[in-house]
Amino acid sequence: QVQLVESGGGLVQPGGSLRLSCAASGSIFSIDVMGWYRRAPGKQRELVASITRGGNTNYAGSVKGRFTASRDNAKNTVYLQMNSLKPEDTAVYYCNLARDSGRGYINYWGQGTQVTVSS
């Protein structure tokens, strides 16, 4: 079993920055991909960024160049540095751990943290 605990959300003005953290506990495997999703009001959940244990990253087009995902494998923690925030970044951000079971991915989710970008 895997538990994910996020922190770092809050209210920030447009153009500001926030850093989200997600600490994973339980059985963490080297093949696990960790990342961040978000759900804005009235919209479906979308991938924001993902990062492998080796540091390979993938970003949504809307956040490329503004957000940076990083990972501390020793601490089983993943981070999302968010710069140049825009009102459209307002959403609940969820930490995700995806594990290839060989017959499909098993997904684990954190409880979510609210990010609000507003003046």
PDB file of N, CA and C in Angstrom:
ATOM      1  N   GLN A   1       0.839  -1.189   0.000  1.00  0.00           N
ATOM      2  CA  GLN A   1       0.000   0.000   0.000  1.00  0.00           C
ATOM      3  C   GLN A   1       0.874   1.239   0.000  1.00  0.00           C
ATOM      4  N   VAL A   2       0.347   2.306  -0.570  1.00  0.00           N
ATOM      5  CA  VAL A   2       1.073   3.569  -0.693  1.00  0.00           C
ATOM      6  C   VAL A   2       0.202   4.697  -0.142  1.00  0.00           C
ATOM      7  N   GLN A   3       0.827   5.581   0.614  1.00  0.00           N
ATOM      8  CA  GLN A   3       0.139   6.781   1.089  1.00  0.00           C
ATOM      9  C   GLN A   3       0.875   8.002   0.553  1.00  0.00           C
ATOM     10  N   LEU A   4       0.113   8.983   0.112  1.00  0.00           N
ATOM     11  CA  LEU A   4       0.665  10.216  -0.440  1.00  0.00           C
ATOM     12  C   LEU A   4       0.097  11.399   0.326  1.00  0.00           C
ATOM     13  N   VAL A   5       0.972  12.271   0.786  1.00  0.00           N
ATOM     14  CA  VAL A   5       0.537  13.438   1.550  1.00  0.00           C
ATOM     15  C   VAL A   5       1.111  14.685   0.902  1.00  0.00           C
ATOM     16  N   GLU A   6       0.214  15.553   0.427  1.00  0.00           N
ATOM     17  CA  GLU A   6       0.634  16.791  -0.221  1.00  0.00           C
ATOM     18  C   GLU A   6       0.679  17.936   0.783  1.00  0.00           C
ATOM     19  N   SER A   7       1.465  18.941   0.428  1.00  0.00           N
ATOM     20  CA  SER A   7       1.493  20.183   1.187  1.00  0.00           C
ATOM     21  C   SER A   7       1.965  21.295   0.265  1.00  0.00           C
ATOM     22  N   GLY A   8       1.696  22.538   0.681  1.00  0.00           N
ATOM     23  CA  GLY A   8       2.245  23.682  -0.039  1.00  0.00           C
ATOM     24  C   GLY A   8       1.264  24.502  -0.839  1.00  0.00           C
ATOM     25  N   GLY A   9       0.012  24.109  -0.872  1.00  0.00           N
ATOM     26  CA  GLY A   9      -0.957  24.908  -1.610  1.00  0.00           C
ATOM     27  C   GLY A   9      -1.275  26.207  -0.879  1.00  0.00           C
ATOM     28  N   GLY A  10      -2.073  27.036  -1.542  1.00  0.00           N
ATOM     29  CA  GLY A  10      -2.468  28.288  -0.913  1.00  0.00           C
ATOM     30  C   GLY A  10      -2.944  29.299  -1.923  1.00  0.00           C
ATOM     31  N   LEU A  11      -3.016  30.537  -1.467  1.00  0.00           N
ATOM     32  CA  LEU A  11      -3.455  31.659  -2.295  1.00  0.00           C
ATOM     33  C   LEU A  11      -2.242  32.469  -2.717  1.00  0.00           C
ATOM     34  N   VAL A  12      -2.160  32.779  -3.996  1.00  0.00           N
ATOM     35  CA  VAL A  12      -1.032  33.547  -4.507  1.00  0.00           C
ATOM     36  C   VAL A  12      -1.540  34.495  -5.592  1.00  0.00           C
ATOM     37  N   GLN A  13      -0.875  35.611  -5.749  1.00  0.00           N
ATOM     38  CA  GLN A  13      -1.262  36.575  -6.771  1.00  0.00           C
ATOM     39  C   GLN A  13      -0.741  36.131  -8.144  1.00  0.00           C
ATOM     40  N   PRO A  14      -1.396  36.567  -9.190  1.00  0.00           N
ATOM     41  CA  PRO A  14      -0.888  36.250 -10.540  1.00  0.00           C
ATOM     42  C   PRO A  14       0.567  36.690 -10.684  1.00  0.00           C
ATOM     43  N   GLY A  15       1.353  35.828 -11.302  1.00  0.00           N
ATOM     44  CA  GLY A  15       2.776  36.080 -11.445  1.00  0.00           C
ATOM     45  C   GLY A  15       3.613  35.541 -10.307  1.00  0.00           C
ATOM     46  N   GLY A  16       2.961  35.087  -9.254  1.00  0.00           N
ATOM     47  CA  GLY A  16       3.676  34.578  -8.086  1.00  0.00           C
ATOM     48  C   GLY A  16       4.099  33.134  -8.245  1.00  0.00           C
ATOM     49  N   SER A  17       4.653  32.599  -7.156  1.00  0.00           N
ATOM     50  CA  SER A  17       5.186  31.237  -7.158  1.00  0.00           C
ATOM     51  C   SER A  17       4.696  30.467  -5.947  1.00  0.00           C
ATOM     52  N   LEU A  18       4.616  29.170  -6.120  1.00  0.00           N
ATOM     53  CA  LEU A  18       4.326  28.242  -5.038  1.00  0.00           C
ATOM     54  C   LEU A  18       5.110  26.966  -5.292  1.00  0.00           C
ATOM     55  N   ARG A  19       5.406  26.256  -4.214  1.00  0.00           N
ATOM     56  CA  ARG A  19       6.021  24.942  -4.357  1.00  0.00           C
ATOM     57  C   ARG A  19       5.185  23.924  -3.603  1.00  0.00           C
ATOM     58  N   LEU A  20       4.762  22.899  -4.325  1.00  0.00           N
ATOM     59  CA  LEU A  20       4.026  21.801  -3.732  1.00  0.00           C
ATOM     60  C   LEU A  20       4.983  20.655  -3.426  1.00  0.00           C
ATOM     61  N   SER A  21       4.694  19.961  -2.338  1.00  0.00           N
ATOM     62  CA  SER A  21       5.466  18.777  -1.968  1.00  0.00           C
ATOM     63  C   SER A  21       4.525  17.599  -1.789  1.00  0.00           C
ATOM     64  N   CYS A  22       5.040  16.417  -2.061  1.00  0.00           N
ATOM     65  CA  CYS A  22       4.260  15.198  -1.870  1.00  0.00           C
ATOM     66  C   CYS A  22       5.184  14.125  -1.323  1.00  0.00           C
ATOM     67  N   ALA A  23       4.902  13.698  -0.115  1.00  0.00           N
ATOM     68  CA  ALA A  23       5.699  12.653   0.521  1.00  0.00           C
ATOM     69  C   ALA A  23       4.969  11.325   0.394  1.00  0.00           C
ATOM     70  N   ALA A  24       5.668  10.346  -0.125  1.00  0.00           N
ATOM     71  CA  ALA A  24       5.106   9.006  -0.281  1.00  0.00           C
ATOM     72  C   ALA A  24       5.642   8.089   0.804  1.00  0.00           C
ATOM     73  N   SER A  25       4.777   7.248   1.320  1.00  0.00           N
ATOM     74  CA  SER A  25       5.195   6.249   2.296  1.00  0.00           C
ATOM     75  C   SER A  25       4.562   4.909   1.923  1.00  0.00           C
ATOM     76  N   GLY A  26       5.126   3.853   2.493  1.00  0.00           N
ATOM     77  CA  GLY A  26       4.657   2.519   2.146  1.00  0.00           C
ATOM     78  C   GLY A  26       5.651   1.856   1.210  1.00  0.00           C
ATOM     79  N   SER A  27       5.150   0.997   0.349  1.00  0.00           N
ATOM     80  CA  SER A  27       6.004   0.254  -0.574  1.00  0.00           C
ATOM     81  C   SER A  27       6.191   1.062  -1.859  1.00  0.00           C
ATOM     82  N   ILE A  28       7.372   1.641  -1.997  1.00  0.00           N
ATOM     83  CA  ILE A  28       7.691   2.441  -3.178  1.00  0.00           C
ATOM     84  C   ILE A  28       8.674   1.653  -4.035  1.00  0.00           C
ATOM     85  N   PHE A  29       8.351   1.469  -5.301  1.00  0.00           N
ATOM     86  CA  PHE A  29       9.177   0.684  -6.193  1.00  0.00           C
ATOM     87  C   PHE A  29       9.945   1.606  -7.150  1.00  0.00           C
ATOM     88  N   SER A  30      11.043   1.103  -7.663  1.00  0.00           N
ATOM     89  CA  SER A  30      11.880   1.908  -8.557  1.00  0.00           C
ATOM     90  C   SER A  30      11.168   2.228  -9.867  1.00  0.00           C
ATOM     91  N   ILE A  31      10.186   1.428 -10.245  1.00  0.00           N
ATOM     92  CA  ILE A  31       9.487   1.655 -11.509  1.00  0.00           C
ATOM     93  C   ILE A  31       8.375   2.696 -11.370  1.00  0.00           C
ATOM     94  N   ASP A  32       8.093   3.111 -10.140  1.00  0.00           N
ATOM     95  CA  ASP A  32       6.966   4.013  -9.932  1.00  0.00           C
ATOM     96  C   ASP A  32       7.229   5.378 -10.552  1.00  0.00           C
ATOM     97  N   VAL A  33       6.222   5.866 -11.233  1.00  0.00           N
ATOM     98  CA  VAL A  33       6.254   7.222 -11.779  1.00  0.00           C
ATOM     99  C   VAL A  33       5.405   8.096 -10.863  1.00  0.00           C
ATOM    100  N   MET A  34       5.953   9.199 -10.445  1.00  0.00           N
ATOM    101  CA  MET A  34       5.193  10.120  -9.595  1.00  0.00           C
ATOM    102  C   MET A  34       4.875  11.389 -10.372  1.00  0.00           C
ATOM    103  N   GLY A  35       3.824  12.045  -9.970  1.00  0.00           N
ATOM    104  CA  GLY A  35       3.462  13.246 -10.696  1.00  0.00           C
ATOM    105  C   GLY A  35       2.344  14.008 -10.035  1.00  0.00           C
ATOM    106  N   TRP A  36       1.878  14.999 -10.763  1.00  0.00           N
ATOM    107  CA  TRP A  36       0.848  15.911 -10.289  1.00  0.00           C
ATOM    108  C   TRP A  36      -0.257  16.025 -11.340  1.00  0.00           C
ATOM    109  N   TYR A  37      -1.467  15.968 -10.852  1.00  0.00           N
ATOM    110  CA  TYR A  37      -2.646  16.243 -11.654  1.00  0.00           C
ATOM    111  C   TYR A  37      -3.385  17.414 -11.002  1.00  0.00           C
ATOM    112  N   ARG A  38      -4.292  17.999 -11.747  1.00  0.00           N
ATOM    113  CA  ARG A  38      -5.121  19.046 -11.164  1.00  0.00           C
ATOM    114  C   ARG A  38      -6.528  18.967 -11.718  1.00  0.00           C
ATOM    115  N   ARG A  39      -7.460  19.471 -10.918  1.00  0.00           N
ATOM    116  CA  ARG A  39      -8.855  19.557 -11.353  1.00  0.00           C
ATOM    117  C   ARG A  39      -9.347  20.950 -11.042  1.00  0.00           C
ATOM    118  N   ALA A  40      -9.642  21.686 -12.100  1.00  0.00           N
ATOM    119  CA  ALA A  40     -10.201  23.025 -11.945  1.00  0.00           C
ATOM    120  C   ALA A  40     -11.724  22.922 -11.863  1.00  0.00           C
ATOM    121  N   PRO A  41     -12.372  23.917 -11.284  1.00  0.00           N
ATOM    122  CA  PRO A  41     -13.827  23.878 -11.175  1.00  0.00           C
ATOM    123  C   PRO A  41     -14.496  23.685 -12.528  1.00  0.00           C
ATOM    124  N   GLY A  42     -15.373  22.699 -12.626  1.00  0.00           N
ATOM    125  CA  GLY A  42     -16.108  22.457 -13.860  1.00  0.00           C
ATOM    126  C   GLY A  42     -15.320  21.751 -14.948  1.00  0.00           C
ATOM    127  N   LYS A  43     -14.092  21.322 -14.629  1.00  0.00           N
ATOM    128  CA  LYS A  43     -13.259  20.676 -15.638  1.00  0.00           C
ATOM    129  C   LYS A  43     -12.834  19.293 -15.174  1.00  0.00           C
ATOM    130  N   GLN A  44     -12.358  18.505 -16.123  1.00  0.00           N
ATOM    131  CA  GLN A  44     -11.861  17.177 -15.784  1.00  0.00           C
ATOM    132  C   GLN A  44     -10.451  17.263 -15.234  1.00  0.00           C
ATOM    133  N   ARG A  45     -10.081  16.246 -14.496  1.00  0.00           N
ATOM    134  CA  ARG A  45      -8.727  16.179 -13.971  1.00  0.00           C
ATOM    135  C   ARG A  45      -7.746  16.035 -15.133  1.00  0.00           C
ATOM    136  N   GLU A  46      -6.624  16.735 -15.053  1.00  0.00           N
ATOM    137  CA  GLU A  46      -5.623  16.687 -16.113  1.00  0.00           C
ATOM    138  C   GLU A  46      -4.232  16.511 -15.528  1.00  0.00           C
ATOM    139  N   LEU A  47      -3.382  15.872 -16.326  1.00  0.00           N
ATOM    140  CA  LEU A  47      -1.988  15.725 -15.932  1.00  0.00           C
ATOM    141  C   LEU A  47      -1.287  17.072 -16.011  1.00  0.00           C
ATOM    142  N   VAL A  48      -0.551  17.393 -14.970  1.00  0.00           N
ATOM    143  CA  VAL A  48       0.267  18.609 -14.960  1.00  0.00           C
ATOM    144  C   VAL A  48       1.712  18.257 -15.277  1.00  0.00           C
ATOM    145  N   ALA A  49       2.258  17.301 -14.532  1.00  0.00           N
ATOM    146  CA  ALA A  49       3.646  16.902 -14.730  1.00  0.00           C
ATOM    147  C   ALA A  49       3.852  15.527 -14.124  1.00  0.00           C
ATOM    148  N   SER A  50       4.792  14.788 -14.708  1.00  0.00           N
ATOM    149  CA  SER A  50       5.180  13.500 -14.143  1.00  0.00           C
ATOM    150  C   SER A  50       6.684  13.382 -14.195  1.00  0.00           C
ATOM    151  N   ILE A  51       7.222  12.530 -13.320  1.00  0.00           N
ATOM    152  CA  ILE A  51       8.667  12.364 -13.242  1.00  0.00           C
ATOM    153  C   ILE A  51       8.975  10.936 -12.833  1.00  0.00           C
ATOM    154  N   THR A  52       9.924  10.331 -13.551  1.00  0.00           N
ATOM    155  CA  THR A  52      10.345   8.984 -13.216  1.00  0.00           C
ATOM    156  C   THR A  52      11.415   9.022 -12.132  1.00  0.00           C
ATOM    157  N   ARG A  53      11.756   7.849 -11.633  1.00  0.00           N
ATOM    158  CA  ARG A  53      12.799   7.771 -10.622  1.00  0.00           C
ATOM    159  C   ARG A  53      14.127   8.292 -11.173  1.00  0.00           C
ATOM    160  N   GLY A  54      14.328   8.115 -12.473  1.00  0.00           N
ATOM    161  CA  GLY A  54      15.559   8.571 -13.112  1.00  0.00           C
ATOM    162  C   GLY A  54      15.561  10.049 -13.454  1.00  0.00           C
ATOM    163  N   GLY A  55      14.431  10.707 -13.236  1.00  0.00           N
ATOM    164  CA  GLY A  55      14.379  12.151 -13.442  1.00  0.00           C
ATOM    165  C   GLY A  55      13.798  12.582 -14.776  1.00  0.00           C
ATOM    166  N   ASN A  56      13.315  11.647 -15.560  1.00  0.00           N
ATOM    167  CA  ASN A  56      12.669  12.025 -16.821  1.00  0.00           C
ATOM    168  C   ASN A  56      11.315  12.645 -16.533  1.00  0.00           C
ATOM    169  N   THR A  57      11.063  13.790 -17.153  1.00  0.00           N
ATOM    170  CA  THR A  57       9.845  14.541 -16.876  1.00  0.00           C
ATOM    171  C   THR A  57       8.955  14.675 -18.109  1.00  0.00           C
ATOM    172  N   ASN A  58       7.688  14.909 -17.808  1.00  0.00           N
ATOM    173  CA  ASN A  58       6.700  15.147 -18.854  1.00  0.00           C
ATOM    174  C   ASN A  58       5.765  16.227 -18.328  1.00  0.00           C
ATOM    175  N   TYR A  59       5.472  17.231 -19.170  1.00  0.00           N
ATOM    176  CA  TYR A  59       4.654  18.360 -18.720  1.00  0.00           C
ATOM    177  C   TYR A  59       3.473  18.591 -19.657  1.00  0.00           C
ATOM    178  N   ALA A  60       2.400  19.077 -19.087  1.00  0.00           N
ATOM    179  CA  ALA A  60       1.311  19.570 -19.911  1.00  0.00           C
ATOM    180  C   ALA A  60       1.791  20.822 -20.640  1.00  0.00           C
ATOM    181  N   GLY A  61       1.295  21.006 -21.852  1.00  0.00           N
ATOM    182  CA  GLY A  61       1.727  22.148 -22.640  1.00  0.00           C
ATOM    183  C   GLY A  61       1.467  23.482 -21.964  1.00  0.00           C
ATOM    184  N   SER A  62       0.392  23.545 -21.187  1.00  0.00           N
ATOM    185  CA  SER A  62       0.001  24.804 -20.559  1.00  0.00           C
ATOM    186  C   SER A  62       0.934  25.236 -19.435  1.00  0.00           C
ATOM    187  N   VAL A  63       1.772  24.335 -18.942  1.00  0.00           N
ATOM    188  CA  VAL A  63       2.649  24.673 -17.827  1.00  0.00           C
ATOM    189  C   VAL A  63       4.131  24.613 -18.194  1.00  0.00           C
ATOM    190  N   LYS A  64       4.440  24.165 -19.391  1.00  0.00           N
ATOM    191  CA  LYS A  64       5.844  24.067 -19.804  1.00  0.00           C
ATOM    192  C   LYS A  64       6.527  25.417 -19.711  1.00  0.00           C
ATOM    193  N   GLY A  65       7.715  25.403 -19.149  1.00  0.00           N
ATOM    194  CA  GLY A  65       8.470  26.640 -18.994  1.00  0.00           C
ATOM    195  C   GLY A  65       8.127  27.406 -17.731  1.00  0.00           C
ATOM    196  N   ARG A  66       7.045  27.031 -17.072  1.00  0.00           N
ATOM    197  CA  ARG A  66       6.638  27.717 -15.830  1.00  0.00           C
ATOM    198  C   ARG A  66       6.729  26.795 -14.616  1.00  0.00           C
ATOM    199  N   PHE A  67       6.404  25.533 -14.799  1.00  0.00           N
ATOM    200  CA  PHE A  67       6.408  24.562 -13.706  1.00  0.00           C
ATOM    201  C   PHE A  67       7.593  23.609 -13.867  1.00  0.00           C
ATOM    202  N   THR A  68       8.135  23.188 -12.744  1.00  0.00           N
ATOM    203  CA  THR A  68       9.232  22.225 -12.740  1.00  0.00           C
ATOM    204  C   THR A  68       8.969  21.139 -11.704  1.00  0.00           C
ATOM    205  N   ALA A  69       8.985  19.902 -12.160  1.00  0.00           N
ATOM    206  CA  ALA A  69       8.842  18.765 -11.249  1.00  0.00           C
ATOM    207  C   ALA A  69      10.222  18.242 -10.889  1.00  0.00           C
ATOM    208  N   SER A  70      10.381  17.867  -9.631  1.00  0.00           N
ATOM    209  CA  SER A  70      11.635  17.266  -9.191  1.00  0.00           C
ATOM    210  C   SER A  70      11.310  16.171  -8.183  1.00  0.00           C
ATOM    211  N   ARG A  71      12.322  15.363  -7.902  1.00  0.00           N
ATOM    212  CA  ARG A  71      12.063  14.181  -7.074  1.00  0.00           C
ATOM    213  C   ARG A  71      13.286  13.884  -6.237  1.00  0.00           C
ATOM    214  N   ASP A  72      13.075  13.636  -4.969  1.00  0.00           N
ATOM    215  CA  ASP A  72      14.126  13.207  -4.052  1.00  0.00           C
ATOM    216  C   ASP A  72      13.840  11.743  -3.719  1.00  0.00           C
ATOM    217  N   ASN A  73      14.553  10.848  -4.375  1.00  0.00           N
ATOM    218  CA  ASN A  73      14.265   9.426  -4.203  1.00  0.00           C
ATOM    219  C   ASN A  73      14.584   8.935  -2.795  1.00  0.00           C
ATOM    220  N   ALA A  74      15.577   9.529  -2.177  1.00  0.00           N
ATOM    221  CA  ALA A  74      15.945   9.102  -0.820  1.00  0.00           C
ATOM    222  C   ALA A  74      14.835   9.406   0.172  1.00  0.00           C
ATOM    223  N   LYS A  75      14.085  10.456  -0.106  1.00  0.00           N
ATOM    224  CA  LYS A  75      12.993  10.857   0.777  1.00  0.00           C
ATOM    225  C   LYS A  75      11.626  10.433   0.244  1.00  0.00           C
ATOM    226  N   ASN A  76      11.616   9.784  -0.919  1.00  0.00           N
ATOM    227  CA  ASN A  76      10.343   9.415  -1.557  1.00  0.00           C
ATOM    228  C   ASN A  76       9.410  10.617  -1.651  1.00  0.00           C
ATOM    229  N   THR A  77       9.959  11.716  -2.076  1.00  0.00           N
ATOM    230  CA  THR A  77       9.210  12.965  -2.137  1.00  0.00           C
ATOM    231  C   THR A  77       9.327  13.570  -3.528  1.00  0.00           C
ATOM    232  N   VAL A  78       8.216  14.098  -4.022  1.00  0.00           N
ATOM    233  CA  VAL A  78       8.203  14.775  -5.307  1.00  0.00           C
ATOM    234  C   VAL A  78       7.738  16.210  -5.079  1.00  0.00           C
ATOM    235  N   TYR A  79       8.279  17.115  -5.866  1.00  0.00           N
ATOM    236  CA  TYR A  79       7.984  18.526  -5.730  1.00  0.00           C
ATOM    237  C   TYR A  79       7.455  19.079  -7.051  1.00  0.00           C
ATOM    238  N   LEU A  80       6.689  20.142  -6.933  1.00  0.00           N
ATOM    239  CA  LEU A  80       6.256  20.877  -8.113  1.00  0.00           C
ATOM    240  C   LEU A  80       6.481  22.359  -7.849  1.00  0.00           C
ATOM    241  N   GLN A  81       7.497  22.910  -8.493  1.00  0.00           N
ATOM    242  CA  GLN A  81       7.759  24.343  -8.399  1.00  0.00           C
ATOM    243  C   GLN A  81       6.938  25.040  -9.464  1.00  0.00           C
ATOM    244  N   MET A  82       6.076  25.933  -9.022  1.00  0.00           N
ATOM    245  CA  MET A  82       5.171  26.626  -9.938  1.00  0.00           C
ATOM    246  C   MET A  82       5.510  28.107  -9.949  1.00  0.00           C
ATOM    247  N   ASN A  83       5.960  28.604 -11.086  1.00  0.00           N
ATOM    248  CA  ASN A  83       6.310  30.013 -11.250  1.00  0.00           C
ATOM    249  C   ASN A  83       5.374  30.669 -12.256  1.00  0.00           C
ATOM    250  N   SER A  84       5.363  31.984 -12.243  1.00  0.00           N
ATOM    251  CA  SER A  84       4.535  32.760 -13.188  1.00  0.00           C
ATOM    252  C   SER A  84       3.096  32.238 -13.201  1.00  0.00           C
ATOM    253  N   LEU A  85       2.558  32.074 -12.021  1.00  0.00           N
ATOM    254  CA  LEU A  85       1.219  31.492 -11.910  1.00  0.00           C
ATOM    255  C   LEU A  85       0.166  32.410 -12.523  1.00  0.00           C
ATOM    256  N   LYS A  86      -0.833  31.757 -13.107  1.00  0.00           N
ATOM    257  CA  LYS A  86      -1.930  32.457 -13.768  1.00  0.00           C
ATOM    258  C   LYS A  86      -3.257  32.069 -13.103  1.00  0.00           C
ATOM    259  N   PRO A  87      -4.265  32.908 -13.220  1.00  0.00           N
ATOM    260  CA  PRO A  87      -5.575  32.544 -12.643  1.00  0.00           C
ATOM    261  C   PRO A  87      -6.082  31.190 -13.138  1.00  0.00           C
ATOM    262  N   GLU A  88      -5.767  30.848 -14.372  1.00  0.00           N
ATOM    263  CA  GLU A  88      -6.229  29.551 -14.902  1.00  0.00           C
ATOM    264  C   GLU A  88      -5.500  28.361 -14.309  1.00  0.00           C
ATOM    265  N   ASP A  89      -4.486  28.608 -13.487  1.00  0.00           N
ATOM    266  CA  ASP A  89      -3.826  27.523 -12.755  1.00  0.00           C
ATOM    267  C   ASP A  89      -4.582  27.168 -11.474  1.00  0.00           C
ATOM    268  N   THR A  90      -5.592  27.946 -11.156  1.00  0.00           N
ATOM    269  CA  THR A  90      -6.388  27.672  -9.964  1.00  0.00           C
ATOM    270  C   THR A  90      -7.061  26.308 -10.080  1.00  0.00           C
ATOM    271  N   ALA A  91      -6.807  25.459  -9.092  1.00  0.00           N
ATOM    272  CA  ALA A  91      -7.326  24.086  -9.127  1.00  0.00           C
ATOM    273  C   ALA A  91      -6.951  23.385  -7.830  1.00  0.00           C
ATOM    274  N   VAL A  92      -7.531  22.209  -7.647  1.00  0.00           N
ATOM    275  CA  VAL A  92      -7.037  21.301  -6.619  1.00  0.00           C
ATOM    276  C   VAL A  92      -5.972  20.427  -7.278  1.00  0.00           C
ATOM    277  N   TYR A  93      -4.803  20.416  -6.677  1.00  0.00           N
ATOM    278  CA  TYR A  93      -3.676  19.656  -7.212  1.00  0.00           C
ATOM    279  C   TYR A  93      -3.537  18.347  -6.438  1.00  0.00           C
ATOM    280  N   TYR A  94      -3.416  17.271  -7.189  1.00  0.00           N
ATOM    281  CA  TYR A  94      -3.334  15.936  -6.602  1.00  0.00           C
ATOM    282  C   TYR A  94      -1.997  15.292  -6.937  1.00  0.00           C
ATOM    283  N   CYS A  95      -1.376  14.744  -5.929  1.00  0.00           N
ATOM    284  CA  CYS A  95      -0.177  13.946  -6.142  1.00  0.00           C
ATOM    285  C   CYS A  95      -0.597  12.557  -6.603  1.00  0.00           C
ATOM    286  N   ASN A  96       0.187  11.995  -7.494  1.00  0.00           N
ATOM    287  CA  ASN A  96      -0.117  10.681  -8.060  1.00  0.00           C
ATOM    288  C   ASN A  96       1.116   9.810  -8.096  1.00  0.00           C
ATOM    289  N   LEU A  97       0.927   8.543  -7.811  1.00  0.00           N
ATOM    290  CA  LEU A  97       1.972   7.535  -8.013  1.00  0.00           C
ATOM    291  C   LEU A  97       1.370   6.467  -8.899  1.00  0.00           C
ATOM    292  N   ALA A  98       2.018   6.212 -10.023  1.00  0.00           N
ATOM    293  CA  ALA A  98       1.533   5.230 -10.987  1.00  0.00           C
ATOM    294  C   ALA A  98       2.503   4.066 -11.054  1.00  0.00           C
ATOM    295  N   ARG A  99       1.975   2.867 -10.874  1.00  0.00           N
ATOM    296  CA  ARG A  99       2.807   1.673 -10.843  1.00  0.00           C
ATOM    297  C   ARG A  99       2.353   0.715 -11.938  1.00  0.00           C
ATOM    298  N   ASP A 100       3.311   0.335 -12.773  1.00  0.00           N
ATOM    299  CA  ASP A 100       3.028  -0.628 -13.830  1.00  0.00           C
ATOM    300  C   ASP A 100       2.985  -2.023 -13.205  1.00  0.00           C
ATOM    301  N   SER A 101       1.804  -2.599 -13.179  1.00  0.00           N
ATOM    302  CA  SER A 101       1.642  -3.916 -12.568  1.00  0.00           C
ATOM    303  C   SER A 101       1.953  -5.046 -13.547  1.00  0.00           C
ATOM    304  N   GLY A 102       2.209  -4.676 -14.805  1.00  0.00           N
ATOM    305  CA  GLY A 102       2.391  -5.677 -15.844  1.00  0.00           C
ATOM    306  C   GLY A 102       1.095  -5.973 -16.579  1.00  0.00           C
ATOM    307  N   ARG A 103      -0.009  -5.602 -15.953  1.00  0.00           N
ATOM    308  CA  ARG A 103      -1.321  -5.786 -16.578  1.00  0.00           C
ATOM    309  C   ARG A 103      -2.087  -4.469 -16.565  1.00  0.00           C
ATOM    310  N   GLY A 104      -1.335  -3.379 -16.514  1.00  0.00           N
ATOM    311  CA  GLY A 104      -1.960  -2.066 -16.447  1.00  0.00           C
ATOM    312  C   GLY A 104      -1.420  -1.305 -15.253  1.00  0.00           C
ATOM    313  N   TYR A 105      -1.736  -0.018 -15.228  1.00  0.00           N
ATOM    314  CA  TYR A 105      -1.216   0.823 -14.158  1.00  0.00           C
ATOM    315  C   TYR A 105      -2.152   0.818 -12.953  1.00  0.00           C
ATOM    316  N   ILE A 106      -1.533   0.807 -11.780  1.00  0.00           N
ATOM    317  CA  ILE A 106      -2.238   1.011 -10.528  1.00  0.00           C
ATOM    318  C   ILE A 106      -1.928   2.430 -10.090  1.00  0.00           C
ATOM    319  N   ASN A 107      -2.955   3.214  -9.805  1.00  0.00           N
ATOM    320  CA  ASN A 107      -2.764   4.606  -9.416  1.00  0.00           C
ATOM    321  C   ASN A 107      -3.106   4.814  -7.949  1.00  0.00           C
ATOM    322  N   TYR A 108      -2.238   5.569  -7.287  1.00  0.00           N
ATOM    323  CA  TYR A 108      -2.472   6.006  -5.914  1.00  0.00           C
ATOM    324  C   TYR A 108      -2.569   7.524  -5.925  1.00  0.00           C
ATOM    325  N   TRP A 109      -3.411   8.062  -5.044  1.00  0.00           N
ATOM    326  CA  TRP A 109      -3.675   9.503  -5.042  1.00  0.00           C
ATOM    327  C   TRP A 109      -3.554  10.092  -3.651  1.00  0.00           C
ATOM    328  N   GLY A 110      -3.073  11.320  -3.628  1.00  0.00           N
ATOM    329  CA  GLY A 110      -3.112  12.082  -2.396  1.00  0.00           C
ATOM    330  C   GLY A 110      -4.481  12.709  -2.213  1.00  0.00           C
ATOM    331  N   GLN A 111      -4.641  13.431  -1.118  1.00  0.00           N
ATOM    332  CA  GLN A 111      -5.942  13.999  -0.790  1.00  0.00           C
ATOM    333  C   GLN A 111      -6.224  15.297  -1.535  1.00  0.00           C
ATOM    334  N   GLY A 112      -5.199  15.880  -2.111  1.00  0.00           N
ATOM    335  CA  GLY A 112      -5.353  17.104  -2.876  1.00  0.00           C
ATOM    336  C   GLY A 112      -5.038  18.338  -2.043  1.00  0.00           C
ATOM    337  N   THR A 113      -4.512  19.352  -2.720  1.00  0.00           N
ATOM    338  CA  THR A 113      -4.231  20.625  -2.068  1.00  0.00           C
ATOM    339  C   THR A 113      -4.697  21.752  -2.992  1.00  0.00           C
ATOM    340  N   GLN A 114      -5.365  22.730  -2.412  1.00  0.00           N
ATOM    341  CA  GLN A 114      -5.948  23.812  -3.206  1.00  0.00           C
ATOM    342  C   GLN A 114      -4.903  24.851  -3.554  1.00  0.00           C
ATOM    343  N   VAL A 115      -4.854  25.221  -4.818  1.00  0.00           N
ATOM    344  CA  VAL A 115      -4.032  26.336  -5.282  1.00  0.00           C
ATOM    345  C   VAL A 115      -4.978  27.360  -5.901  1.00  0.00           C
ATOM    346  N   THR A 116      -4.932  28.571  -5.378  1.00  0.00           N
ATOM    347  CA  THR A 116      -5.783  29.640  -5.886  1.00  0.00           C
ATOM    348  C   THR A 116      -4.905  30.800  -6.319  1.00  0.00           C
ATOM    349  N   VAL A 117      -5.048  31.205  -7.575  1.00  0.00           N
ATOM    350  CA  VAL A 117      -4.278  32.315  -8.121  1.00  0.00           C
ATOM    351  C   VAL A 117      -5.254  33.461  -8.383  1.00  0.00           C
ATOM    352  N   SER A 118      -5.129  34.492  -7.578  1.00  0.00           N
ATOM    353  CA  SER A 118      -6.092  35.589  -7.658  1.00  0.00           C
ATOM    354  C   SER A 118      -5.497  36.847  -7.060  1.00  0.00           C
ATOM    355  N   SER A 119      -5.891  37.976  -7.614  1.00  0.00           N
ATOM    356  CA  SER A 119      -5.461  39.254  -7.050  1.00  0.00           C
ATOM    357  C   SER A 119      -6.491  39.772  -6.061  1.00  0.00           C
TER     358      SER A 119
END
